[in-house]
C-alpha atoms as a PDB file:
ATOM      1  CA  MET A   1      -0.077   0.000  -0.053  1.00  0.00           C
ATOM      2  CA  ARG A   2       1.079   3.483  -0.862  1.00  0.00           C
ATOM      3  CA  ASN A   3       1.618   6.056   1.847  1.00  0.00           C
ATOM      4  CA  ARG A   4      -0.845   8.642   0.345  1.00  0.00           C
ATOM      5  CA  ALA A   5      -3.118  11.398   2.082  1.00  0.00           C
ATOM      6  CA  LYS A   6      -5.166  14.188   1.223  1.00  0.00           C
ATOM      7  CA  CYS A   7      -5.652  17.546   3.149  1.00  0.00           C
ATOM      8  CA  LYS A   8      -9.489  18.700   3.252  1.00  0.00           C
ATOM      9  CA  LEU A   9      -8.267  22.154   3.942  1.00  0.00           C
ATOM     10  CA  CYS A  10      -5.952  22.808   0.877  1.00  0.00           C
ATOM     11  CA  ASN A  11      -6.928  19.708  -1.273  1.00  0.00           C
ATOM     12  CA  SER A  12      -3.568  18.687  -1.616  1.00  0.00           C
ATOM     13  CA  THR A  13      -2.674  15.138  -2.205  1.00  0.00           C
ATOM     14  CA  ILE A  14       0.840  14.205  -0.846  1.00  0.00           C
ATOM     15  CA  GLU A  15       2.794  10.621  -0.812  1.00  0.00           C
ATOM     16  CA  SER A  16       5.875   9.376   1.185  1.00  0.00           C
ATOM     17  CA  GLU A  17       7.875   7.226  -0.987  1.00  0.00           C
ATOM     18  CA  ALA A  18      10.417   6.009   1.559  1.00  0.00           C
ATOM     19  CA  ILE A  19      11.014   5.584   5.227  1.00  0.00           C
ATOM     20  CA  GLY A  20      12.824   9.179   5.807  1.00  0.00           C
ATOM     21  CA  ASP A  21      10.522  11.057   3.184  1.00  0.00           C
ATOM     22  CA  ILE A  22       8.750  13.360   5.243  1.00  0.00           C
ATOM     23  CA  VAL A  23       6.020  15.375   3.131  1.00  0.00           C
ATOM     24  CA  THR A  24       3.460  18.059   4.352  1.00  0.00           C
ATOM     25  CA  CYS A  25       0.693  19.436   2.639  1.00  0.00           C
ATOM     26  CA  ALA A  26       0.607  22.902   1.177  1.00  0.00           C
ATOM     27  CA  CYS A  27      -1.395  24.379   4.177  1.00  0.00           C
ATOM     28  CA  GLY A  28       0.925  22.550   6.671  1.00  0.00           C
ATOM     29  CA  GLU A  29      -2.284  20.808   8.285  1.00  0.00           C
ATOM     30  CA  ILE A  30      -1.264  16.975   7.547  1.00  0.00           C
ATOM     31  CA  THR A  31       2.150  15.486   7.521  1.00  0.00           C
ATOM     32  CA  ILE A  32       3.048  11.657   6.487  1.00  0.00           C
ATOM     33  CA  TRP A  33       6.240   9.755   6.461  1.00  0.00           C
ATOM     34  CA  GLY A  34       7.752   6.384   6.576  1.00  0.00           C
ATOM     35  CA  GLY A  35       7.100   5.402   2.875  1.00  0.00           C
ATOM     36  CA  ASN A  36       5.017   2.158   2.329  1.00  0.00           C
ATOM     37  CA  GLN A  37       7.080   0.638   5.278  1.00  0.00           C
ATOM     38  CA  ALA A  38       5.420   2.476   7.981  1.00  0.00           C
ATOM     39  CA  LEU A  39       2.504   4.703   6.941  1.00  0.00           C
ATOM     40  CA  LEU A  40       3.198   7.382   9.800  1.00  0.00           C
ATOM     41  CA  SER A  41       1.170  10.594   9.930  1.00  0.00           C
ATOM     42  CA  CYS A  42       0.400  13.480  11.937  1.00  0.00           C
ATOM     43  CA  ALA A  43      -2.109  16.141  11.588  1.00  0.00           C
ATOM     44  CA  LYS A  44      -3.075  19.279  13.426  1.00  0.00           C
ATOM     45  CA  HIS A  45      -6.819  18.169  13.152  1.00  0.00           C
ATOM     46  CA  TYR A  46      -7.322  14.458  12.069  1.00  0.00           C
ATOM     47  CA  ASP A  47     -10.855  15.446  11.000  1.00  0.00           C
ATOM     48  CA  ASN A  48      -9.055  17.193   8.001  1.00  0.00           C
ATOM     49  CA  PHE A  49      -6.965  14.077   7.100  1.00  0.00           C
ATOM     50  CA  LEU A  50      -8.036  11.584   4.660  1.00  0.00           C
ATOM     51  CA  ARG A  51      -6.125   8.275   3.228  1.00  0.00           C
ATOM     52  CA  VAL A  52      -6.005   7.588  -0.585  1.00  0.00           C
ATOM     53  CA  ASP A  53      -5.506   4.098  -1.651  1.00  0.00           C
ATOM     54  CA  GLU A  54      -3.854   2.564  -4.843  1.00  0.00           C
ATOM     55  CA  GLU A  55      -6.766   3.418  -7.261  1.00  0.00           C
ATOM     56  CA  GLY A  56      -7.077   7.232  -5.768  1.00  0.00           C
ATOM     57  CA  ASN A  57     -10.312   6.240  -3.653  1.00  0.00           C
ATOM     58  CA  ILE A  58     -10.440   8.729  -0.566  1.00  0.00           C
ATOM     59  CA  TYR A  59     -11.191   7.375   2.941  1.00  0.00           C
ATOM     60  CA  PRO A  60     -11.569   9.060   6.251  1.00  0.00           C
ATOM     61  CA  VAL A  61      -9.232   8.074   9.113  1.00  0.00           C
ATOM     62  CA  LYS A  62     -10.127   6.599  12.467  1.00  0.00           C
ATOM     63  CA  TYR A  63      -7.946   8.092  15.168  1.00  0.00           C
ATOM     64  CA  CYS A  64      -7.701   8.000  18.947  1.00  0.00           C
ATOM     65  CA  GLN A  65      -7.497  11.263  21.121  1.00  0.00           C
ATOM     66  CA  SER A  66      -4.106  12.062  22.413  1.00  0.00           C
ATOM     67  CA  ARG A  67      -3.525  12.230  26.135  1.00  0.00           C
ATOM     68  CA  GLU A  68      -3.134  15.775  26.025  1.00  0.00           C
ATOM     69  CA  GLU A  69      -6.551  15.975  24.377  1.00  0.00           C
ATOM     70  CA  GLU A  70      -8.159  14.021  26.905  1.00  0.00           C
ATOM     71  CA  ASN A  71      -6.596  15.718  29.738  1.00  0.00           C
ATOM     72  CA  PRO A  72      -5.791  19.135  28.636  1.00  0.00           C
ATOM     73  CA  LYS A  73      -2.887  20.915  30.374  1.00  0.00           C
ATOM     74  CA  ASP A  74      -3.492  23.482  32.815  1.00  0.00           C
ATOM     75  CA  ASP A  75      -1.063  26.077  32.224  1.00  0.00           C
ATOM     76  CA  ASN A  76      -1.044  27.040  36.256  1.00  0.00           C
ATOM     77  CA  LYS A  77      -0.107  23.485  37.149  1.00  0.00           C
ATOM     78  CA  GLU A  78       2.575  21.077  36.103  1.00  0.00           C
ATOM     79  CA  ASN A  79       0.873  18.290  34.032  1.00  0.00           C
ATOM     80  CA  LEU A  80       2.065  15.459  36.484  1.00  0.00           C
ATOM     81  CA  PRO A  81       0.352  13.762  39.576  1.00  0.00           C
ATOM     82  CA  SER A  82       0.909  15.193  42.877  1.00  0.00           C
ATOM     83  CA  ILE A  83       4.091  13.331  44.217  1.00  0.00           C
ATOM     84  CA  ASN A  84       5.322  13.793  47.646  1.00  0.00           C
ATOM     85  CA  SER A  85       8.328  11.585  48.126  1.00  0.00           C
ATOM     86  CA  ILE A  86      11.433  10.368  46.038  1.00  0.00           C
ATOM     87  CA  GLU A  87      10.021   6.959  45.963  1.00  0.00           C
ATOM     88  CA  GLU A  88       6.883   8.014  44.449  1.00  0.00           C
ATOM     89  CA  MET A  89       8.481  10.062  41.829  1.00  0.00           C
ATOM     90  CA  LEU A  90      10.871   7.025  40.978  1.00  0.00           C
ATOM     91  CA  ASP A  91       7.946   4.812  40.851  1.00  0.00           C
ATOM     92  CA  THR A  92       6.026   7.454  38.628  1.00  0.00           C
ATOM     93  CA  LEU A  93       9.152   7.443  36.343  1.00  0.00           C
ATOM     94  CA  ASN A  94       9.015   3.628  36.046  1.00  0.00           C
ATOM     95  CA  LYS A  95       5.631   3.530  35.216  1.00  0.00           C
ATOM     96  CA  MET A  96       6.018   6.017  32.295  1.00  0.00           C
ATOM     97  CA  ILE A  97       8.969   4.067  31.188  1.00  0.00           C
ATOM     98  CA  GLU A  98       7.090   0.890  31.215  1.00  0.00           C
ATOM     99  CA  SER A  99       3.922   2.331  29.504  1.00  0.00           C
ATOM    100  CA  ASP A 100       6.289   3.767  26.509  1.00  0.00           C
ATOM    101  CA  LYS A 101       8.082   0.125  26.319  1.00  0.00           C
ATOM    102  CA  ASP A 102       4.542  -1.252  25.568  1.00  0.00           C
ATOM    103  CA  LEU A 103       4.100   1.058  22.495  1.00  0.00           C
ATOM    104  CA  PRO A 104       3.634  -0.452  18.935  1.00  0.00           C
ATOM    105  CA  GLN A 105       6.883  -0.945  17.058  1.00  0.00           C
ATOM    106  CA  HIS A 106       5.943   1.961  14.535  1.00  0.00           C
ATOM    107  CA  ALA A 107       5.365   4.357  17.791  1.00  0.00           C
ATOM    108  CA  LEU A 108       8.749   3.299  19.126  1.00  0.00           C
ATOM    109  CA  ILE A 109      10.644   4.184  15.926  1.00  0.00           C
ATOM    110  CA  SER A 110       8.643   7.608  15.543  1.00  0.00           C
ATOM    111  CA  PRO A 111      10.199  10.867  16.143  1.00  0.00           C
ATOM    112  CA  LEU A 112       9.692  12.073  19.803  1.00  0.00           C
ATOM    113  CA  ASN A 113       7.229  14.640  20.420  1.00  0.00           C
ATOM    114  CA  GLN A 114       7.491  17.521  22.538  1.00  0.00           C
ATOM    115  CA  TYR A 115       4.770  16.467  24.778  1.00  0.00           C
ATOM    116  CA  ASP A 116       6.521  13.350  25.647  1.00  0.00           C
ATOM    117  CA  LEU A 117       9.801  15.146  26.126  1.00  0.00           C
ATOM    118  CA  ILE A 118       8.404  17.570  28.421  1.00  0.00           C
ATOM    119  CA  ARG A 119       6.448  15.085  30.754  1.00  0.00           C
ATOM    120  CA  TYR A 120       9.782  13.435  31.233  1.00  0.00           C
ATOM    121  CA  MET A 121      11.706  16.613  31.953  1.00  0.00           C
ATOM    122  CA  MET A 122       9.222  17.770  34.441  1.00  0.00           C
ATOM    123  CA  LEU A 123       9.335  14.616  36.314  1.00  0.00           C
ATOM    124  CA  ILE A 124      13.228  14.493  36.460  1.00  0.00           C
ATOM    125  CA  HIS A 125      13.265  18.146  37.403  1.00  0.00           C
ATOM    126  CA  SER A 126      10.886  17.446  40.224  1.00  0.00           C
ATOM    127  CA  LEU A 127      12.969  14.456  41.388  1.00  0.00           C
ATOM    128  CA  LEU A 128      16.306  16.355  41.154  1.00  0.00           C
ATOM    129  CA  ALA A 129      14.597  19.091  43.066  1.00  0.00           C
ATOM    130  CA  LYS A 130      13.438  16.871  45.751  1.00  0.00           C
ATOM    131  CA  ILE A 131      16.837  15.252  46.089  1.00  0.00           C
ATOM    132  CA  THR A 132      18.502  18.516  46.432  1.00  0.00           C
ATOM    133  CA  LYS A 133      16.255  20.186  48.835  1.00  0.00           C
ATOM    134  CA  ASN A 134      16.630  17.069  50.904  1.00  0.00           C
ATOM    135  CA  SER A 135      20.594  17.056  50.871  1.00  0.00           C
END
């Protein structure tokens, strides 16, 4: 299957032909990569993302909400559970690591998004601050 998509906003049809081939539509709404090996994609709003098959037929995609959409970040609070002890912080970090290890293979080789990076940095920062404070 070819890795092709169409943007509802700008009507661009795009195709990724190789694993490292990252292609974005004219308006920047949708992006695909991975060629026919991975069929990876991202979109500002997946309602505007359509898949295109070999014959040019267009299909809407089914998608799951991201964790950030399900639990929007409150700008006044860190997007982490309330953690009081170093042991709880280490336990939370281990759970996050185990959760990410269980991701499907295509997700494990996908580029890291900033939300994932930020959640780890926030937890590590909290852990180091707690250790420093207790020293």
